[in-house]
Amino acid sequence: MWVTLPEAVDTWEMFEAAVEGKVAYIPGAAFAVHGDHRNTMRLNFSNLQLEAIQVGIARMAEVIRDWSGSS
């Protein structure tokens, strides 16, 4: 799943906070030739059960909320 966040959120910078929150993603800039798409991310949950997906999404939402409030 491709996620676009507000322009002020840099998913490279937020990545460490996500890992600390026990969730991970691939920053969108990793897929961009010129390093743009810094406010995007790719989520992969194709190999998880529904309950694990729900927990992961809740954790990711908390990381984004905390990160957005601190920047």
C-alpha atoms as a PDB file:
ATOM      1  CA  MET A   1       0.000   0.000   0.000  1.00  0.00           C
ATOM      2  CA  TRP A   2       1.332   3.443  -0.957  1.00  0.00           C
ATOM      3  CA  VAL A   3       0.649   6.128   1.663  1.00  0.00           C
ATOM      4  CA  THR A   4       1.017   9.870   1.145  1.00  0.00           C
ATOM      5  CA  LEU A   5       1.326  11.977   4.283  1.00  0.00           C
ATOM      6  CA  PRO A   6       1.267  15.765   4.666  1.00  0.00           C
ATOM      7  CA  GLU A   7       4.242  17.517   3.025  1.00  0.00           C
ATOM      8  CA  ALA A   8       5.765  18.384   6.415  1.00  0.00           C
ATOM      9  CA  VAL A   9       6.256  14.693   7.300  1.00  0.00           C
ATOM     10  CA  ASP A  10       9.585  13.245   6.146  1.00  0.00           C
ATOM     11  CA  THR A  11       9.311   9.458   6.255  1.00  0.00           C
ATOM     12  CA  TRP A  12      13.111   9.036   6.208  1.00  0.00           C
ATOM     13  CA  GLU A  13      13.367  11.128   9.361  1.00  0.00           C
ATOM     14  CA  MET A  14      10.366   9.403  10.964  1.00  0.00           C
ATOM     15  CA  PHE A  15      11.657   5.875  10.295  1.00  0.00           C
ATOM     16  CA  GLU A  16      13.634   5.490  13.538  1.00  0.00           C
ATOM     17  CA  ALA A  17      10.597   6.535  15.577  1.00  0.00           C
ATOM     18  CA  ALA A  18       8.538   3.935  13.721  1.00  0.00           C
ATOM     19  CA  VAL A  19      11.015   1.167  14.497  1.00  0.00           C
ATOM     20  CA  GLU A  20      11.007   2.243  18.149  1.00  0.00           C
ATOM     21  CA  GLY A  21       7.203   1.975  17.948  1.00  0.00           C
ATOM     22  CA  LYS A  22       7.612  -1.615  16.674  1.00  0.00           C
ATOM     23  CA  VAL A  23       6.422  -0.931  13.143  1.00  0.00           C
ATOM     24  CA  ALA A  24       8.326  -0.418   9.900  1.00  0.00           C
ATOM     25  CA  TYR A  25       7.842   0.701   6.309  1.00  0.00           C
ATOM     26  CA  ILE A  26       9.892   1.582   3.265  1.00  0.00           C
ATOM     27  CA  PRO A  27      10.232   5.366   2.806  1.00  0.00           C
ATOM     28  CA  GLY A  28       8.814   6.450  -0.543  1.00  0.00           C
ATOM     29  CA  ALA A  29      12.035   8.209  -1.512  1.00  0.00           C
ATOM     30  CA  ALA A  30      13.666   4.761  -1.783  1.00  0.00           C
ATOM     31  CA  PHE A  31      11.547   4.255  -4.920  1.00  0.00           C
ATOM     32  CA  ALA A  32      12.240   7.695  -6.429  1.00  0.00           C
ATOM     33  CA  VAL A  33      15.069   8.373  -8.879  1.00  0.00           C
ATOM     34  CA  HIS A  34      15.629  11.914  -7.604  1.00  0.00           C
ATOM     35  CA  GLY A  35      14.878  11.336  -3.919  1.00  0.00           C
ATOM     36  CA  ASP A  36      11.511  13.063  -3.941  1.00  0.00           C
ATOM     37  CA  HIS A  37       8.371  11.552  -2.379  1.00  0.00           C
ATOM     38  CA  ARG A  38       9.855  12.124   1.076  1.00  0.00           C
ATOM     39  CA  ASN A  39       6.361  12.339   2.575  1.00  0.00           C
ATOM     40  CA  THR A  40       5.329   8.912   1.292  1.00  0.00           C
ATOM     41  CA  MET A  41       5.791   5.317   2.378  1.00  0.00           C
ATOM     42  CA  ARG A  42       5.138   1.797   1.199  1.00  0.00           C
ATOM     43  CA  LEU A  43       3.421  -0.541   3.624  1.00  0.00           C
ATOM     44  CA  ASN A  44       3.524  -4.288   3.077  1.00  0.00           C
ATOM     45  CA  PHE A  45       1.230  -6.583   4.983  1.00  0.00           C
ATOM     46  CA  SER A  46       0.637  -9.333   2.439  1.00  0.00           C
ATOM     47  CA  ASN A  47       2.021 -12.043   4.721  1.00  0.00           C
ATOM     48  CA  LEU A  48       0.192 -11.115   7.944  1.00  0.00           C
ATOM     49  CA  GLN A  49      -2.999 -12.145   9.650  1.00  0.00           C
ATOM     50  CA  LEU A  50      -5.773  -9.546  10.015  1.00  0.00           C
ATOM     51  CA  GLU A  51      -5.129  -9.076  13.744  1.00  0.00           C
ATOM     52  CA  ALA A  52      -1.445  -8.293  13.149  1.00  0.00           C
ATOM     53  CA  ILE A  53      -2.392  -5.818  10.402  1.00  0.00           C
ATOM     54  CA  GLN A  54      -4.790  -4.035  12.772  1.00  0.00           C
ATOM     55  CA  VAL A  55      -2.104  -3.794  15.468  1.00  0.00           C
ATOM     56  CA  GLY A  56       0.451  -2.514  12.946  1.00  0.00           C
ATOM     57  CA  ILE A  57      -1.880   0.138  11.551  1.00  0.00           C
ATOM     58  CA  ALA A  58      -2.695   1.339  15.075  1.00  0.00           C
ATOM     59  CA  ARG A  59       1.024   1.566  15.873  1.00  0.00           C
ATOM     60  CA  MET A  60       1.750   3.387  12.609  1.00  0.00           C
ATOM     61  CA  ALA A  61      -1.062   5.865  13.285  1.00  0.00           C
ATOM     62  CA  GLU A  62       0.403   6.583  16.722  1.00  0.00           C
ATOM     63  CA  VAL A  63       3.888   7.144  15.274  1.00  0.00           C
ATOM     64  CA  ILE A  64       2.508   9.527  12.628  1.00  0.00           C
ATOM     65  CA  ARG A  65       0.415  11.416  15.197  1.00  0.00           C
ATOM     66  CA  ASP A  66       3.386  11.768  17.558  1.00  0.00           C
ATOM     67  CA  TRP A  67       5.779  12.744  14.750  1.00  0.00           C
ATOM     68  CA  SER A  68       3.386  15.272  13.217  1.00  0.00           C
ATOM     69  CA  GLY A  69       2.811  16.875  16.597  1.00  0.00           C
ATOM     70  CA  SER A  70       6.522  17.193  17.334  1.00  0.00           C
ATOM     71  CA  SER A  71       7.613  18.785  14.050  1.00  0.00           C
END
